[in-house]
C-alpha cells in the first residue's frame, strides 16, 4: 500500500470500527500512561506496508497520543540501525533528572 492507499484505509468504516473497539479496551497512552487525547493514534506495530490493512489481531496495535506516536516513529528510525540508542537516551534522561532535581554530584 502506498501513502495514499493507507490514508484512504484510515478513513474506512472497518478502520474506524476497529479503532473504536481498541479504545474500549484502554483509556491511556501505552508509554506515558497519560489519558488518551482526542487526537490519539492507533499505532501499527507491524510497519510492513503489505500488512497495513490487516486488522485481524488487536495485539499488533498500540494506543498512543499524537506526540508519543511521533516520538516512537522518530526513535525507531535510529533504533533499526543502532539498538544502543535507548541506552544513550536513558543516560540523557537520567542526567536531566539529576541536574533538574539538584542531585548533581
PDB file of N, CA and C in Angstrom:
ATOM      1  N   UNK A   1       0.849  -1.197   0.000  1.00  0.00           N
ATOM      2  CA  UNK A   1       0.000   0.000   0.000  1.00  0.00           C
ATOM      3  C   UNK A   1       0.885   1.247   0.000  1.00  0.00           C
ATOM      4  N   UNK A   2       0.559   2.190  -0.834  1.00  0.00           N
ATOM      5  CA  UNK A   2       1.289   3.447  -0.806  1.00  0.00           C
ATOM      6  C   UNK A   2       0.637   4.389   0.209  1.00  0.00           C
ATOM      7  N   UNK A   3       1.225   5.557   0.383  1.00  0.00           N
ATOM      8  CA  UNK A   3       0.743   6.510   1.392  1.00  0.00           C
ATOM      9  C   UNK A   3      -0.730   6.865   1.177  1.00  0.00           C
ATOM     10  N   UNK A   4      -1.097   7.105  -0.065  1.00  0.00           N
ATOM     11  CA  UNK A   4      -2.476   7.492  -0.378  1.00  0.00           C
ATOM     12  C   UNK A   4      -3.455   6.367  -0.026  1.00  0.00           C
ATOM     13  N   UNK A   5      -3.094   5.142  -0.328  1.00  0.00           N
ATOM     14  CA  UNK A   5      -3.948   3.991   0.000  1.00  0.00           C
ATOM     15  C   UNK A   5      -4.078   3.809   1.513  1.00  0.00           C
ATOM     16  N   UNK A   6      -2.977   4.027   2.239  1.00  0.00           N
ATOM     17  CA  UNK A   6      -3.037   3.914   3.701  1.00  0.00           C
ATOM     18  C   UNK A   6      -3.936   4.998   4.281  1.00  0.00           C
ATOM     19  N   UNK A   7      -3.832   6.207   3.764  1.00  0.00           N
ATOM     20  CA  UNK A   7      -4.684   7.308   4.226  1.00  0.00           C
ATOM     21  C   UNK A   7      -6.147   6.994   3.948  1.00  0.00           C
ATOM     22  N   UNK A   8      -6.424   6.431   2.796  1.00  0.00           N
ATOM     23  CA  UNK A   8      -7.787   6.042   2.434  1.00  0.00           C
ATOM     24  C   UNK A   8      -8.299   4.952   3.379  1.00  0.00           C
ATOM     25  N   UNK A   9      -7.447   3.992   3.697  1.00  0.00           N
ATOM     26  CA  UNK A   9      -7.839   2.925   4.623  1.00  0.00           C
ATOM     27  C   UNK A   9      -8.216   3.492   5.993  1.00  0.00           C
ATOM     28  N   UNK A  10      -7.451   4.485   6.449  1.00  0.00           N
ATOM     29  CA  UNK A  10      -7.744   5.081   7.758  1.00  0.00           C
ATOM     30  C   UNK A  10      -9.076   5.837   7.770  1.00  0.00           C
ATOM     31  N   UNK A  11      -9.641   6.084   6.616  1.00  0.00           N
ATOM     32  CA  UNK A  11     -10.962   6.724   6.530  1.00  0.00           C
ATOM     33  C   UNK A  11     -12.091   5.699   6.439  1.00  0.00           C
ATOM     34  N   UNK A  12     -11.736   4.433   6.329  1.00  0.00           N
ATOM     35  CA  UNK A  12     -12.740   3.384   6.113  1.00  0.00           C
ATOM     36  C   UNK A  12     -13.536   3.068   7.371  1.00  0.00           C
ATOM     37  N   UNK A  13     -14.743   2.548   7.169  1.00  0.00           N
ATOM     38  CA  UNK A  13     -15.591   2.120   8.280  1.00  0.00           C
ATOM     39  C   UNK A  13     -14.918   0.999   9.077  1.00  0.00           C
ATOM     40  N   UNK A  14     -14.228   0.103   8.384  1.00  0.00           N
ATOM     41  CA  UNK A  14     -13.557  -1.017   9.058  1.00  0.00           C
ATOM     42  C   UNK A  14     -12.506  -0.498  10.033  1.00  0.00           C
ATOM     43  N   UNK A  15     -11.698   0.484   9.597  1.00  0.00           N
ATOM     44  CA  UNK A  15     -10.672   1.040  10.471  1.00  0.00           C
ATOM     45  C   UNK A  15     -11.298   1.774  11.652  1.00  0.00           C
ATOM     46  N   UNK A  16     -12.315   2.570  11.392  1.00  0.00           N
ATOM     47  CA  UNK A  16     -12.966   3.327  12.475  1.00  0.00           C
ATOM     48  C   UNK A  16     -13.591   2.388  13.499  1.00  0.00           C
ATOM     49  N   UNK A  17     -14.189   1.316  13.051  1.00  0.00           N
ATOM     50  CA  UNK A  17     -14.794   0.338  13.966  1.00  0.00           C
ATOM     51  C   UNK A  17     -13.700  -0.367  14.777  1.00  0.00           C
ATOM     52  N   UNK A  18     -12.615  -0.729  14.117  1.00  0.00           N
ATOM     53  CA  UNK A  18     -11.508  -1.399  14.805  1.00  0.00           C
ATOM     54  C   UNK A  18     -10.893  -0.475  15.848  1.00  0.00           C
ATOM     55  N   UNK A  19     -10.675   0.777  15.473  1.00  0.00           N
ATOM     56  CA  UNK A  19     -10.089   1.751  16.397  1.00  0.00           C
ATOM     57  C   UNK A  19     -11.010   1.971  17.600  1.00  0.00           C
ATOM     58  N   UNK A  20     -12.311   2.034  17.352  1.00  0.00           N
ATOM     59  CA  UNK A  20     -13.277   2.208  18.445  1.00  0.00           C
ATOM     60  C   UNK A  20     -13.248   1.002  19.381  1.00  0.00           C
ATOM     61  N   UNK A  21     -13.129  -0.184  18.814  1.00  0.00           N
ATOM     62  CA  UNK A  21     -13.037  -1.411  19.616  1.00  0.00           C
ATOM     63  C   UNK A  21     -11.797  -1.362  20.511  1.00  0.00           C
ATOM     64  N   UNK A  22     -10.677  -0.937  19.944  1.00  0.00           N
ATOM     65  CA  UNK A  22      -9.436  -0.830  20.713  1.00  0.00           C
ATOM     66  C   UNK A  22      -9.576   0.206  21.823  1.00  0.00           C
ATOM     67  N   UNK A  23     -10.266   1.279  21.529  1.00  0.00           N
ATOM     68  CA  UNK A  23     -10.447   2.360  22.516  1.00  0.00           C
ATOM     69  C   UNK A  23     -11.252   1.876  23.709  1.00  0.00           C
ATOM     70  N   UNK A  24     -12.155   0.950  23.498  1.00  0.00           N
ATOM     71  CA  UNK A  24     -12.949   0.404  24.599  1.00  0.00           C
ATOM     72  C   UNK A  24     -12.079  -0.388  25.574  1.00  0.00           C
ATOM     73  N   UNK A  25     -10.950  -0.875  25.099  1.00  0.00           N
ATOM     74  CA  UNK A  25     -10.068  -1.704  25.922  1.00  0.00           C
ATOM     75  C   UNK A  25      -9.083  -0.902  26.768  1.00  0.00           C
ATOM     76  N   UNK A  26      -8.881   0.365  26.422  1.00  0.00           N
ATOM     77  CA  UNK A  26      -7.932   1.188  27.170  1.00  0.00           C
ATOM     78  C   UNK A  26      -8.300   2.654  27.092  1.00  0.00           C
ATOM     79  N   UNK A  27      -7.840   3.400  28.063  1.00  0.00           N
ATOM     80  CA  UNK A  27      -8.087   4.840  28.060  1.00  0.00           C
ATOM     81  C   UNK A  27      -6.781   5.615  28.219  1.00  0.00           C
ATOM     82  N   UNK A  28      -5.647   4.894  28.158  1.00  0.00           N
ATOM     83  CA  UNK A  28      -4.362   5.555  28.375  1.00  0.00           C
ATOM     84  C   UNK A  28      -3.357   5.249  27.273  1.00  0.00           C
ATOM     85  N   UNK A  29      -2.446   6.197  27.085  1.00  0.00           N
ATOM     86  CA  UNK A  29      -1.307   6.042  26.189  1.00  0.00           C
ATOM     87  C   UNK A  29      -0.428   4.933  26.765  1.00  0.00           C
ATOM     88  N   UNK A  30      -0.078   3.948  25.959  1.00  0.00           N
ATOM     89  CA  UNK A  30       0.682   2.799  26.445  1.00  0.00           C
ATOM     90  C   UNK A  30       2.017   3.196  27.068  1.00  0.00           C
ATOM     91  N   UNK A  31       2.691   4.186  26.522  1.00  0.00           N
ATOM     92  CA  UNK A  31       4.023   4.562  27.000  1.00  0.00           C
ATOM     93  C   UNK A  31       3.965   5.542  28.164  1.00  0.00           C
ATOM     94  N   UNK A  32       3.222   6.613  28.017  1.00  0.00           N
ATOM     95  CA  UNK A  32       3.219   7.657  29.052  1.00  0.00           C
ATOM     96  C   UNK A  32       2.214   7.399  30.172  1.00  0.00           C
ATOM     97  N   UNK A  33       1.256   6.541  29.916  1.00  0.00           N
ATOM     98  CA  UNK A  33       0.159   6.255  30.859  1.00  0.00           C
ATOM     99  C   UNK A  33      -0.737   7.476  31.081  1.00  0.00           C
ATOM    100  N   UNK A  34      -0.598   8.475  30.216  1.00  0.00           N
ATOM    101  CA  UNK A  34      -1.473   9.648  30.241  1.00  0.00           C
ATOM    102  C   UNK A  34      -2.804   9.265  29.591  1.00  0.00           C
ATOM    103  N   UNK A  35      -3.885   9.949  29.964  1.00  0.00           N
ATOM    104  CA  UNK A  35      -5.158   9.666  29.285  1.00  0.00           C
ATOM    105  C   UNK A  35      -5.030   9.906  27.780  1.00  0.00           C
ATOM    106  N   UNK A  36      -5.711   9.088  27.005  1.00  0.00           N
ATOM    107  CA  UNK A  36      -5.696   9.290  25.554  1.00  0.00           C
ATOM    108  C   UNK A  36      -6.407  10.599  25.227  1.00  0.00           C
ATOM    109  N   UNK A  37      -5.782  11.374  24.375  1.00  0.00           N
ATOM    110  CA  UNK A  37      -6.364  12.655  23.962  1.00  0.00           C
ATOM    111  C   UNK A  37      -7.357  12.424  22.825  1.00  0.00           C
ATOM    112  N   UNK A  38      -8.013  13.487  22.417  1.00  0.00           N
ATOM    113  CA  UNK A  38      -8.953  13.380  21.297  1.00  0.00           C
ATOM    114  C   UNK A  38      -8.231  13.040  19.997  1.00  0.00           C
ATOM    115  N   UNK A  39      -6.956  13.359  19.928  1.00  0.00           N
ATOM    116  CA  UNK A  39      -6.186  13.129  18.698  1.00  0.00           C
ATOM    117  C   UNK A  39      -5.271  11.903  18.805  1.00  0.00           C
ATOM    118  N   UNK A  40      -5.629  10.941  19.648  1.00  0.00           N
ATOM    119  CA  UNK A  40      -4.805   9.748  19.837  1.00  0.00           C
ATOM    120  C   UNK A  40      -4.716   8.938  18.544  1.00  0.00           C
ATOM    121  N   UNK A  41      -3.649   8.147  18.448  1.00  0.00           N
ATOM    122  CA  UNK A  41      -3.421   7.299  17.285  1.00  0.00           C
ATOM    123  C   UNK A  41      -3.401   5.832  17.697  1.00  0.00           C
ATOM    124  N   UNK A  42      -3.856   4.990  16.814  1.00  0.00           N
ATOM    125  CA  UNK A  42      -3.719   3.558  16.998  1.00  0.00           C
ATOM    126  C   UNK A  42      -2.498   3.152  16.178  1.00  0.00           C
ATOM    127  N   UNK A  43      -1.393   2.954  16.865  1.00  0.00           N
ATOM    128  CA  UNK A  43      -0.100   2.717  16.234  1.00  0.00           C
ATOM    129  C   UNK A  43       0.024   1.280  15.739  1.00  0.00           C
ATOM    130  N   UNK A  44       0.392   1.141  14.476  1.00  0.00           N
ATOM    131  CA  UNK A  44       0.684  -0.170  13.889  1.00  0.00           C
ATOM    132  C   UNK A  44       2.055  -0.621  14.377  1.00  0.00           C
ATOM    133  N   UNK A  45       2.137  -1.752  15.021  1.00  0.00           N
ATOM    134  CA  UNK A  45       3.429  -2.293  15.433  1.00  0.00           C
ATOM    135  C   UNK A  45       4.132  -2.976  14.260  1.00  0.00           C
ATOM    136  N   UNK A  46       3.365  -3.483  13.320  1.00  0.00           N
ATOM    137  CA  UNK A  46       3.901  -4.092  12.105  1.00  0.00           C
ATOM    138  C   UNK A  46       3.942  -2.997  11.037  1.00  0.00           C
ATOM    139  N   UNK A  47       5.138  -2.535  10.722  1.00  0.00           N
ATOM    140  CA  UNK A  47       5.274  -1.427   9.770  1.00  0.00           C
ATOM    141  C   UNK A  47       5.393  -1.879   8.320  1.00  0.00           C
ATOM    142  N   UNK A  48       5.255  -3.169   8.077  1.00  0.00           N
ATOM    143  CA  UNK A  48       5.277  -3.669   6.703  1.00  0.00           C
ATOM    144  C   UNK A  48       4.003  -3.170   6.002  1.00  0.00           C
ATOM    145  N   UNK A  49       4.168  -2.356   4.968  1.00  0.00           N
ATOM    146  CA  UNK A  49       3.013  -1.751   4.295  1.00  0.00           C
ATOM    147  C   UNK A  49       2.080  -2.791   3.678  1.00  0.00           C
ATOM    148  N   UNK A  50       2.582  -3.982   3.420  1.00  0.00           N
ATOM    149  CA  UNK A  50       1.734  -5.047   2.884  1.00  0.00           C
ATOM    150  C   UNK A  50       0.716  -5.519   3.918  1.00  0.00           C
ATOM    151  N   UNK A  51       0.987  -5.264   5.182  1.00  0.00           N
ATOM    152  CA  UNK A  51       0.102  -5.708   6.265  1.00  0.00           C
ATOM    153  C   UNK A  51      -0.726  -4.568   6.852  1.00  0.00           C
ATOM    154  N   UNK A  52      -0.624  -3.378   6.261  1.00  0.00           N
ATOM    155  CA  UNK A  52      -1.223  -2.177   6.855  1.00  0.00           C
ATOM    156  C   UNK A  52      -2.717  -2.330   7.131  1.00  0.00           C
ATOM    157  N   UNK A  53      -3.433  -2.981   6.241  1.00  0.00           N
ATOM    158  CA  UNK A  53      -4.886  -3.099   6.412  1.00  0.00           C
ATOM    159  C   UNK A  53      -5.300  -4.388   7.121  1.00  0.00           C
ATOM    160  N   UNK A  54      -4.335  -5.112   7.673  1.00  0.00           N
ATOM    161  CA  UNK A  54      -4.638  -6.335   8.418  1.00  0.00           C
ATOM    162  C   UNK A  54      -4.991  -5.972   9.863  1.00  0.00           C
ATOM    163  N   UNK A  55      -6.268  -5.979  10.148  1.00  0.00           N
ATOM    164  CA  UNK A  55      -6.739  -5.637  11.492  1.00  0.00           C
ATOM    165  C   UNK A  55      -7.312  -6.876  12.185  1.00  0.00           C
ATOM    166  N   UNK A  56      -6.737  -8.007  11.866  1.00  0.00           N
ATOM    167  CA  UNK A  56      -7.232  -9.266  12.423  1.00  0.00           C
ATOM    168  C   UNK A  56      -6.698  -9.541  13.835  1.00  0.00           C
ATOM    169  N   UNK A  57      -5.636  -8.859  14.235  1.00  0.00           N
ATOM    170  CA  UNK A  57      -5.033  -9.115  15.544  1.00  0.00           C
ATOM    171  C   UNK A  57      -4.815  -7.803  16.291  1.00  0.00           C
ATOM    172  N   UNK A  58      -5.625  -7.588  17.293  1.00  0.00           N
ATOM    173  CA  UNK A  58      -5.576  -6.348  18.072  1.00  0.00           C
ATOM    174  C   UNK A  58      -4.226  -6.153  18.761  1.00  0.00           C
ATOM    175  N   UNK A  59      -3.498  -7.243  18.988  1.00  0.00           N
ATOM    176  CA  UNK A  59      -2.205  -7.171  19.669  1.00  0.00           C
ATOM    177  C   UNK A  59      -1.089  -6.595  18.794  1.00  0.00           C
ATOM    178  N   UNK A  60      -1.395  -6.328  17.541  1.00  0.00           N
ATOM    179  CA  UNK A  60      -0.412  -5.727  16.645  1.00  0.00           C
ATOM    180  C   UNK A  60      -0.557  -4.203  16.597  1.00  0.00           C
ATOM    181  N   UNK A  61      -1.304  -3.664  17.559  1.00  0.00           N
ATOM    182  CA  UNK A  61      -1.564  -2.228  17.602  1.00  0.00           C
ATOM    183  C   UNK A  61      -1.377  -1.704  19.023  1.00  0.00           C
ATOM    184  N   UNK A  62      -1.069  -0.415  19.128  1.00  0.00           N
ATOM    185  CA  UNK A  62      -0.795   0.192  20.421  1.00  0.00           C
ATOM    186  C   UNK A  62      -1.424   1.587  20.460  1.00  0.00           C
ATOM    187  N   UNK A  63      -2.224   1.883  21.490  1.00  0.00           N
ATOM    188  CA  UNK A  63      -2.810   3.222  21.597  1.00  0.00           C
ATOM    189  C   UNK A  63      -1.773   4.229  22.086  1.00  0.00           C
ATOM    190  N   UNK A  64      -1.565   5.281  21.317  1.00  0.00           N
ATOM    191  CA  UNK A  64      -0.589   6.305  21.675  1.00  0.00           C
ATOM    192  C   UNK A  64      -1.155   7.689  21.400  1.00  0.00           C
ATOM    193  N   UNK A  65      -0.836   8.626  22.259  1.00  0.00           N
ATOM    194  CA  UNK A  65      -1.181  10.008  21.968  1.00  0.00           C
ATOM    195  C   UNK A  65      -0.326  10.501  20.809  1.00  0.00           C
ATOM    196  N   UNK A  66      -0.764  11.557  20.178  1.00  0.00           N
ATOM    197  CA  UNK A  66      -0.122  12.038  18.952  1.00  0.00           C
ATOM    198  C   UNK A  66       1.381  12.263  19.121  1.00  0.00           C
ATOM    199  N   UNK A  67       1.795  12.975  20.159  1.00  0.00           N
ATOM    200  CA  UNK A  67       3.222  13.271  20.334  1.00  0.00           C
ATOM    201  C   UNK A  67       4.022  12.005  20.628  1.00  0.00           C
ATOM    202  N   UNK A  68       3.463  11.095  21.416  1.00  0.00           N
ATOM    203  CA  UNK A  68       4.143   9.836  21.700  1.00  0.00           C
ATOM    204  C   UNK A  68       4.304   9.055  20.403  1.00  0.00           C
ATOM    205  N   UNK A  69       3.271   9.026  19.600  1.00  0.00           N
ATOM    206  CA  UNK A  69       3.295   8.310  18.326  1.00  0.00           C
ATOM    207  C   UNK A  69       4.408   8.855  17.427  1.00  0.00           C
ATOM    208  N   UNK A  70       4.501  10.167  17.334  1.00  0.00           N
ATOM    209  CA  UNK A  70       5.547  10.789  16.520  1.00  0.00           C
ATOM    210  C   UNK A  70       6.927  10.455  17.070  1.00  0.00           C
ATOM    211  N   UNK A  71       7.082  10.493  18.382  1.00  0.00           N
ATOM    212  CA  UNK A  71       8.357  10.186  19.020  1.00  0.00           C
ATOM    213  C   UNK A  71       8.767   8.736  18.758  1.00  0.00           C
ATOM    214  N   UNK A  72       7.841   7.823  18.871  1.00  0.00           N
ATOM    215  CA  UNK A  72       8.134   6.408  18.635  1.00  0.00           C
ATOM    216  C   UNK A  72       8.635   6.207  17.202  1.00  0.00           C
ATOM    217  N   UNK A  73       7.964   6.811  16.251  1.00  0.00           N
ATOM    218  CA  UNK A  73       8.399   6.664  14.860  1.00  0.00           C
ATOM    219  C   UNK A  73       9.778   7.271  14.645  1.00  0.00           C
ATOM    220  N   UNK A  74      10.024   8.411  15.239  1.00  0.00           N
ATOM    221  CA  UNK A  74      11.318   9.066  15.080  1.00  0.00           C
ATOM    222  C   UNK A  74      12.437   8.234  15.705  1.00  0.00           C
ATOM    223  N   UNK A  75      12.222   7.729  16.907  1.00  0.00           N
ATOM    224  CA  UNK A  75      13.232   6.897  17.567  1.00  0.00           C
ATOM    225  C   UNK A  75      13.460   5.587  16.821  1.00  0.00           C
ATOM    226  N   UNK A  76      12.397   5.050  16.266  1.00  0.00           N
ATOM    227  CA  UNK A  76      12.511   3.765  15.571  1.00  0.00           C
ATOM    228  C   UNK A  76      13.450   3.844  14.376  1.00  0.00           C
ATOM    229  N   UNK A  77      13.487   4.985  13.725  1.00  0.00           N
ATOM    230  CA  UNK A  77      14.385   5.155  12.574  1.00  0.00           C
ATOM    231  C   UNK A  77      15.833   4.879  12.987  1.00  0.00           C
ATOM    232  N   UNK A  78      16.225   5.401  14.134  1.00  0.00           N
ATOM    233  CA  UNK A  78      17.580   5.174  14.624  1.00  0.00           C
ATOM    234  C   UNK A  78      17.711   3.788  15.231  1.00  0.00           C
ATOM    235  N   UNK A  79      16.704   3.355  15.969  1.00  0.00           N
ATOM    236  CA  UNK A  79      16.738   2.053  16.647  1.00  0.00           C
ATOM    237  C   UNK A  79      16.972   0.908  15.666  1.00  0.00           C
ATOM    238  N   UNK A  80      16.426   0.994  14.489  1.00  0.00           N
ATOM    239  CA  UNK A  80      16.627  -0.065  13.484  1.00  0.00           C
ATOM    240  C   UNK A  80      18.090  -0.221  13.119  1.00  0.00           C
ATOM    241  N   UNK A  81      18.827   0.884  13.155  1.00  0.00           N
ATOM    242  CA  UNK A  81      20.256   0.857  12.811  1.00  0.00           C
ATOM    243  C   UNK A  81      21.147   0.619  14.028  1.00  0.00           C
ATOM    244  N   UNK A  82      20.648   1.057  15.202  1.00  0.00           N
ATOM    245  CA  UNK A  82      21.504   1.081  16.389  1.00  0.00           C
ATOM    246  C   UNK A  82      20.660   0.938  17.656  1.00  0.00           C
ATOM    247  N   UNK A  83      20.569  -0.284  18.157  1.00  0.00           N
ATOM    248  CA  UNK A  83      19.736  -0.538  19.341  1.00  0.00           C
ATOM    249  C   UNK A  83      20.267   0.157  20.600  1.00  0.00           C
ATOM    250  N   UNK A  84      21.508   0.561  20.588  1.00  0.00           N
ATOM    251  CA  UNK A  84      22.080   1.232  21.754  1.00  0.00           C
ATOM    252  C   UNK A  84      21.552   2.655  21.918  1.00  0.00           C
ATOM    253  N   UNK A  85      20.775   3.131  20.974  1.00  0.00           N
ATOM    254  CA  UNK A  85      20.190   4.467  21.094  1.00  0.00           C
ATOM    255  C   UNK A  85      19.351   4.568  22.375  1.00  0.00           C
ATOM    256  N   UNK A  86      18.735   3.482  22.791  1.00  0.00           N
ATOM    257  CA  UNK A  86      17.921   3.510  24.012  1.00  0.00           C
ATOM    258  C   UNK A  86      18.789   3.670  25.251  1.00  0.00           C
ATOM    259  N   UNK A  87      19.956   3.059  25.242  1.00  0.00           N
ATOM    260  CA  UNK A  87      20.888   3.221  26.365  1.00  0.00           C
ATOM    261  C   UNK A  87      21.337   4.681  26.468  1.00  0.00           C
ATOM    262  N   UNK A  88      21.650   5.276  25.317  1.00  0.00           N
ATOM    263  CA  UNK A  88      22.092   6.670  25.325  1.00  0.00           C
ATOM    264  C   UNK A  88      20.961   7.602  25.727  1.00  0.00           C
ATOM    265  N   UNK A  89      19.763   7.298  25.288  1.00  0.00           N
ATOM    266  CA  UNK A  89      18.606   8.105  25.677  1.00  0.00           C
ATOM    267  C   UNK A  89      18.399   8.046  27.184  1.00  0.00           C
ATOM    268  N   UNK A  90      18.541   6.868  27.765  1.00  0.00           N
ATOM    269  CA  UNK A  90      18.390   6.715  29.210  1.00  0.00           C
ATOM    270  C   UNK A  90      19.437   7.542  29.947  1.00  0.00           C
ATOM    271  N   UNK A  91      20.671   7.567  29.460  1.00  0.00           N
ATOM    272  CA  UNK A  91      21.719   8.376  30.084  1.00  0.00           C
ATOM    273  C   UNK A  91      21.334   9.846  30.064  1.00  0.00           C
ATOM    274  N   UNK A  92      20.849  10.318  28.926  1.00  0.00           N
ATOM    275  CA  UNK A  92      20.447  11.723  28.804  1.00  0.00           C
ATOM    276  C   UNK A  92      19.312  12.035  29.782  1.00  0.00           C
ATOM    277  N   UNK A  93      18.310  11.174  29.820  1.00  0.00           N
ATOM    278  CA  UNK A  93      17.158  11.415  30.696  1.00  0.00           C
ATOM    279  C   UNK A  93      17.557  11.380  32.172  1.00  0.00           C
ATOM    280  N   UNK A  94      18.413  10.442  32.526  1.00  0.00           N
ATOM    281  CA  UNK A  94      18.868  10.365  33.914  1.00  0.00           C
ATOM    282  C   UNK A  94      19.684  11.593  34.300  1.00  0.00           C
ATOM    283  N   UNK A  95      20.528  12.073  33.399  1.00  0.00           N
ATOM    284  CA  UNK A  95      21.320  13.273  33.658  1.00  0.00           C
ATOM    285  C   UNK A  95      20.403  14.491  33.782  1.00  0.00           C
ATOM    286  N   UNK A  96      19.400  14.573  32.937  1.00  0.00           N
ATOM    287  CA  UNK A  96      18.432  15.674  33.032  1.00  0.00           C
ATOM    288  C   UNK A  96      17.736  15.658  34.384  1.00  0.00           C
ATOM    289  N   UNK A  97      17.313  14.465  34.809  1.00  0.00           N
ATOM    290  CA  UNK A  97      16.634  14.334  36.097  1.00  0.00           C
ATOM    291  C   UNK A  97      17.567  14.725  37.244  1.00  0.00           C
ATOM    292  N   UNK A  98      18.815  14.266  37.169  1.00  0.00           N
ATOM    293  CA  UNK A  98      19.796  14.568  38.204  1.00  0.00           C
ATOM    294  C   UNK A  98      20.023  16.062  38.311  1.00  0.00           C
ATOM    295  N   UNK A  99      20.239  16.724  37.194  1.00  0.00           N
ATOM    296  CA  UNK A  99      20.512  18.162  37.211  1.00  0.00           C
ATOM    297  C   UNK A  99      19.272  18.965  37.584  1.00  0.00           C
ATOM    298  N   UNK A 100      18.132  18.549  37.106  1.00  0.00           N
ATOM    299  CA  UNK A 100      16.893  19.271  37.375  1.00  0.00           C
ATOM    300  C   UNK A 100      16.504  19.177  38.846  1.00  0.00           C
ATOM    301  N   UNK A 101      16.744  18.012  39.446  1.00  0.00           N
ATOM    302  CA  UNK A 101      16.380  17.800  40.847  1.00  0.00           C
ATOM    303  C   UNK A 101      17.464  18.268  41.812  1.00  0.00           C
ATOM    304  N   UNK A 102      18.562  18.822  41.279  1.00  0.00           N
ATOM    305  CA  UNK A 102      19.625  19.341  42.127  1.00  0.00           C
ATOM    306  C   UNK A 102      20.446  18.267  42.814  1.00  0.00           C
ATOM    307  N   UNK A 103      20.498  17.084  42.229  1.00  0.00           N
ATOM    308  CA  UNK A 103      21.251  15.985  42.842  1.00  0.00           C
ATOM    309  C   UNK A 103      22.623  15.825  42.185  1.00  0.00           C
ATOM    310  N   UNK A 104      23.093  16.896  41.560  1.00  0.00           N
ATOM    311  CA  UNK A 104      24.378  16.834  40.871  1.00  0.00           C
ATOM    312  C   UNK A 104      25.480  16.557  41.881  1.00  0.00           C
ATOM    313  N   UNK A 105      26.400  15.645  41.515  1.00  0.00           N
ATOM    314  CA  UNK A 105      27.479  15.288  42.456  1.00  0.00           C
ATOM    315  C   UNK A 105      28.636  16.235  42.368  1.00  0.00           C
TER     316      UNK A 105
END
